[in-house]
């Protein structure tokens, strides 16, 4: 299974959108999603950011790191 970072990079590329543009869409600085993808910082996307990106990209939040409610945390 691909990581949320890999999924986001691929989804952006498939749509012809830059990570900087997607960062702006969620109201973050231009480097925010690039750092998430390249450095893993932040480790997880903020819930609101993840939801907005999933809606913008028309994909399940799970592709961007959301957990199934029945999966144990940890």
N, C-alpha and C. Protein backbone atom coordinates (compact mmCIF):
# COMPACT_ATOMS: atom_id res chain seq x y z
N UNK A 1 0.84 -1.18 0.00
CA UNK A 1 0.00 0.00 0.00
C UNK A 1 0.89 1.24 0.00
N UNK A 2 0.49 2.23 -0.75
CA UNK A 2 1.25 3.47 -0.84
C UNK A 2 1.02 4.32 0.40
N UNK A 3 2.00 5.15 0.69
CA UNK A 3 1.89 6.06 1.83
C UNK A 3 1.02 7.26 1.44
N UNK A 4 0.50 7.97 2.44
CA UNK A 4 -0.26 9.19 2.14
C UNK A 4 0.57 10.20 1.33
N UNK A 5 1.86 10.27 1.62
CA UNK A 5 2.74 11.18 0.89
C UNK A 5 2.83 10.79 -0.58
N UNK A 6 3.03 9.51 -0.84
CA UNK A 6 3.10 9.03 -2.23
C UNK A 6 1.77 9.25 -2.95
N UNK A 7 0.69 8.97 -2.24
CA UNK A 7 -0.63 9.16 -2.84
C UNK A 7 -0.86 10.62 -3.20
N UNK A 8 -0.53 11.53 -2.29
CA UNK A 8 -0.74 12.94 -2.55
C UNK A 8 0.09 13.41 -3.73
N UNK A 9 1.34 12.98 -3.78
CA UNK A 9 2.21 13.36 -4.91
C UNK A 9 1.61 12.88 -6.23
N UNK A 10 1.13 11.63 -6.26
CA UNK A 10 0.55 11.07 -7.47
C UNK A 10 -0.77 11.74 -7.85
N UNK A 11 -1.62 11.98 -6.86
CA UNK A 11 -2.90 12.64 -7.13
C UNK A 11 -2.68 14.04 -7.69
N UNK A 12 -1.74 14.77 -7.13
CA UNK A 12 -1.45 16.12 -7.63
C UNK A 12 -0.93 16.04 -9.06
N UNK A 13 -0.01 15.11 -9.31
CA UNK A 13 0.54 14.96 -10.66
C UNK A 13 -0.54 14.57 -11.66
N UNK A 14 -1.41 13.66 -11.27
CA UNK A 14 -2.48 13.21 -12.16
C UNK A 14 -3.41 14.36 -12.56
N UNK A 15 -3.59 15.30 -11.65
CA UNK A 15 -4.48 16.44 -11.90
C UNK A 15 -3.73 17.64 -12.49
N UNK A 16 -2.42 17.53 -12.58
CA UNK A 16 -1.62 18.65 -13.09
C UNK A 16 -1.55 19.81 -12.12
N UNK A 17 -1.66 19.52 -10.83
CA UNK A 17 -1.60 20.56 -9.80
C UNK A 17 -0.29 20.43 -9.04
N UNK A 18 0.26 21.55 -8.68
CA UNK A 18 1.49 21.53 -7.88
C UNK A 18 1.13 21.39 -6.41
N UNK A 19 2.09 20.91 -5.63
CA UNK A 19 1.88 20.84 -4.19
C UNK A 19 1.77 22.24 -3.60
N UNK A 20 2.46 23.19 -4.19
CA UNK A 20 2.35 24.58 -3.72
C UNK A 20 0.93 25.10 -3.93
N UNK A 21 0.34 24.78 -5.07
CA UNK A 21 -1.03 25.22 -5.33
C UNK A 21 -2.00 24.55 -4.36
N UNK A 22 -1.82 23.26 -4.12
CA UNK A 22 -2.69 22.56 -3.17
C UNK A 22 -2.51 23.11 -1.76
N UNK A 23 -1.30 23.50 -1.41
CA UNK A 23 -1.08 24.13 -0.10
C UNK A 23 -1.88 25.41 0.01
N UNK A 24 -1.88 26.21 -1.05
CA UNK A 24 -2.63 27.46 -1.06
C UNK A 24 -4.14 27.19 -0.96
N UNK A 25 -4.60 26.13 -1.60
CA UNK A 25 -6.02 25.77 -1.56
C UNK A 25 -6.48 25.55 -0.12
N UNK A 26 -5.61 24.98 0.71
CA UNK A 26 -5.99 24.72 2.10
C UNK A 26 -5.55 25.84 3.04
N UNK A 27 -5.05 26.94 2.47
CA UNK A 27 -4.70 28.10 3.28
C UNK A 27 -3.37 27.98 4.00
N UNK A 28 -2.49 27.17 3.49
CA UNK A 28 -1.15 27.01 4.09
C UNK A 28 -0.10 27.67 3.21
N UNK A 29 1.11 27.82 3.76
CA UNK A 29 2.18 28.40 2.95
C UNK A 29 2.56 27.43 1.83
N UNK A 30 3.20 27.97 0.82
CA UNK A 30 3.48 27.20 -0.40
C UNK A 30 4.31 25.95 -0.16
N UNK A 31 5.13 25.92 0.88
CA UNK A 31 6.01 24.78 1.13
C UNK A 31 5.37 23.69 1.98
N UNK A 32 4.19 23.93 2.51
CA UNK A 32 3.59 23.01 3.49
C UNK A 32 3.47 21.57 2.97
N UNK A 33 2.81 21.37 1.85
CA UNK A 33 2.63 20.00 1.35
C UNK A 33 3.91 19.42 0.76
N UNK A 34 4.78 20.27 0.22
CA UNK A 34 6.08 19.79 -0.27
C UNK A 34 6.87 19.21 0.90
N UNK A 35 6.83 19.87 2.04
CA UNK A 35 7.54 19.35 3.22
C UNK A 35 6.90 18.07 3.72
N UNK A 36 5.58 18.00 3.68
CA UNK A 36 4.88 16.78 4.08
C UNK A 36 5.31 15.61 3.19
N UNK A 37 5.38 15.84 1.90
CA UNK A 37 5.73 14.78 0.95
C UNK A 37 7.22 14.43 1.03
N UNK A 38 8.07 15.43 1.02
CA UNK A 38 9.51 15.18 0.94
C UNK A 38 10.17 14.84 2.28
N UNK A 39 9.70 15.47 3.36
CA UNK A 39 10.37 15.31 4.65
C UNK A 39 9.54 14.59 5.69
N UNK A 40 8.24 14.41 5.39
CA UNK A 40 7.37 13.79 6.38
C UNK A 40 7.05 14.71 7.54
N UNK A 41 7.07 16.01 7.27
CA UNK A 41 6.76 17.00 8.30
C UNK A 41 5.68 17.93 7.77
N UNK A 42 4.52 17.90 8.34
CA UNK A 42 4.11 17.17 9.54
C UNK A 42 4.00 15.68 9.26
N UNK A 43 3.98 14.90 10.32
CA UNK A 43 3.89 13.44 10.15
C UNK A 43 2.54 13.03 9.59
N UNK A 44 1.50 13.75 10.01
CA UNK A 44 0.14 13.50 9.52
C UNK A 44 -0.49 14.84 9.17
N UNK A 45 -1.34 14.81 8.17
CA UNK A 45 -2.07 16.03 7.83
C UNK A 45 -3.11 16.32 8.90
N UNK A 46 -3.32 17.59 9.18
CA UNK A 46 -4.38 18.02 10.06
C UNK A 46 -5.71 17.49 9.51
N UNK A 47 -6.62 17.09 10.39
CA UNK A 47 -7.89 16.50 9.96
C UNK A 47 -8.65 17.40 8.99
N UNK A 48 -8.72 18.69 9.28
CA UNK A 48 -9.44 19.61 8.39
C UNK A 48 -8.74 19.75 7.05
N UNK A 49 -7.40 19.82 7.07
CA UNK A 49 -6.64 19.92 5.82
C UNK A 49 -6.85 18.67 4.97
N UNK A 50 -6.79 17.51 5.62
CA UNK A 50 -6.97 16.24 4.91
C UNK A 50 -8.36 16.15 4.28
N UNK A 51 -9.39 16.53 5.05
CA UNK A 51 -10.75 16.49 4.53
C UNK A 51 -10.90 17.42 3.33
N UNK A 52 -10.40 18.65 3.45
CA UNK A 52 -10.54 19.60 2.36
C UNK A 52 -9.80 19.12 1.12
N UNK A 53 -8.58 18.58 1.30
CA UNK A 53 -7.83 18.06 0.15
C UNK A 53 -8.56 16.88 -0.50
N UNK A 54 -9.07 15.99 0.31
CA UNK A 54 -9.79 14.83 -0.23
C UNK A 54 -11.00 15.29 -1.04
N UNK A 55 -11.72 16.27 -0.53
CA UNK A 55 -12.87 16.79 -1.27
C UNK A 55 -12.42 17.48 -2.55
N UNK A 56 -11.36 18.27 -2.47
CA UNK A 56 -10.85 18.98 -3.64
C UNK A 56 -10.38 18.00 -4.71
N UNK A 57 -9.73 16.91 -4.27
CA UNK A 57 -9.19 15.92 -5.20
C UNK A 57 -10.21 14.83 -5.55
N UNK A 58 -11.36 14.86 -4.86
CA UNK A 58 -12.43 13.89 -5.08
C UNK A 58 -11.95 12.45 -4.83
N UNK A 59 -11.31 12.26 -3.67
CA UNK A 59 -10.82 10.93 -3.27
C UNK A 59 -11.19 10.67 -1.82
N UNK A 60 -11.05 9.44 -1.40
CA UNK A 60 -11.26 9.07 -0.01
C UNK A 60 -10.15 9.66 0.86
N UNK A 61 -10.53 10.10 2.05
CA UNK A 61 -9.52 10.59 2.99
C UNK A 61 -8.51 9.51 3.35
N UNK A 62 -8.89 8.27 3.26
CA UNK A 62 -7.97 7.17 3.59
C UNK A 62 -6.70 7.23 2.73
N UNK A 63 -6.82 7.68 1.48
CA UNK A 63 -5.64 7.81 0.63
C UNK A 63 -4.66 8.84 1.17
N UNK A 64 -5.17 9.75 1.97
CA UNK A 64 -4.33 10.83 2.51
C UNK A 64 -4.00 10.63 3.98
N UNK A 65 -4.29 9.44 4.49
CA UNK A 65 -3.84 9.12 5.84
C UNK A 65 -4.91 8.97 6.89
N UNK A 66 -6.19 9.10 6.54
CA UNK A 66 -7.24 8.91 7.54
C UNK A 66 -7.30 7.43 7.92
N UNK A 67 -7.60 7.20 9.15
CA UNK A 67 -7.72 5.83 9.64
C UNK A 67 -9.16 5.37 9.57
N UNK A 68 -9.35 4.08 9.33
CA UNK A 68 -10.68 3.51 9.45
C UNK A 68 -11.08 3.57 10.91
N UNK A 69 -12.33 3.88 11.20
CA UNK A 69 -12.73 4.01 12.61
C UNK A 69 -12.59 2.72 13.41
N UNK A 70 -12.56 1.60 12.76
CA UNK A 70 -12.47 0.33 13.47
C UNK A 70 -11.04 -0.17 13.63
N UNK A 71 -10.06 0.55 13.07
CA UNK A 71 -8.67 0.14 13.21
C UNK A 71 -8.11 0.68 14.51
N UNK A 72 -7.30 -0.13 15.20
CA UNK A 72 -6.67 0.39 16.42
C UNK A 72 -5.63 1.44 16.10
N UNK A 73 -5.50 2.40 16.96
CA UNK A 73 -4.48 3.44 16.79
C UNK A 73 -3.15 2.91 17.32
N UNK A 74 -2.10 3.31 16.64
CA UNK A 74 -0.81 2.95 17.21
C UNK A 74 -0.01 2.18 16.33
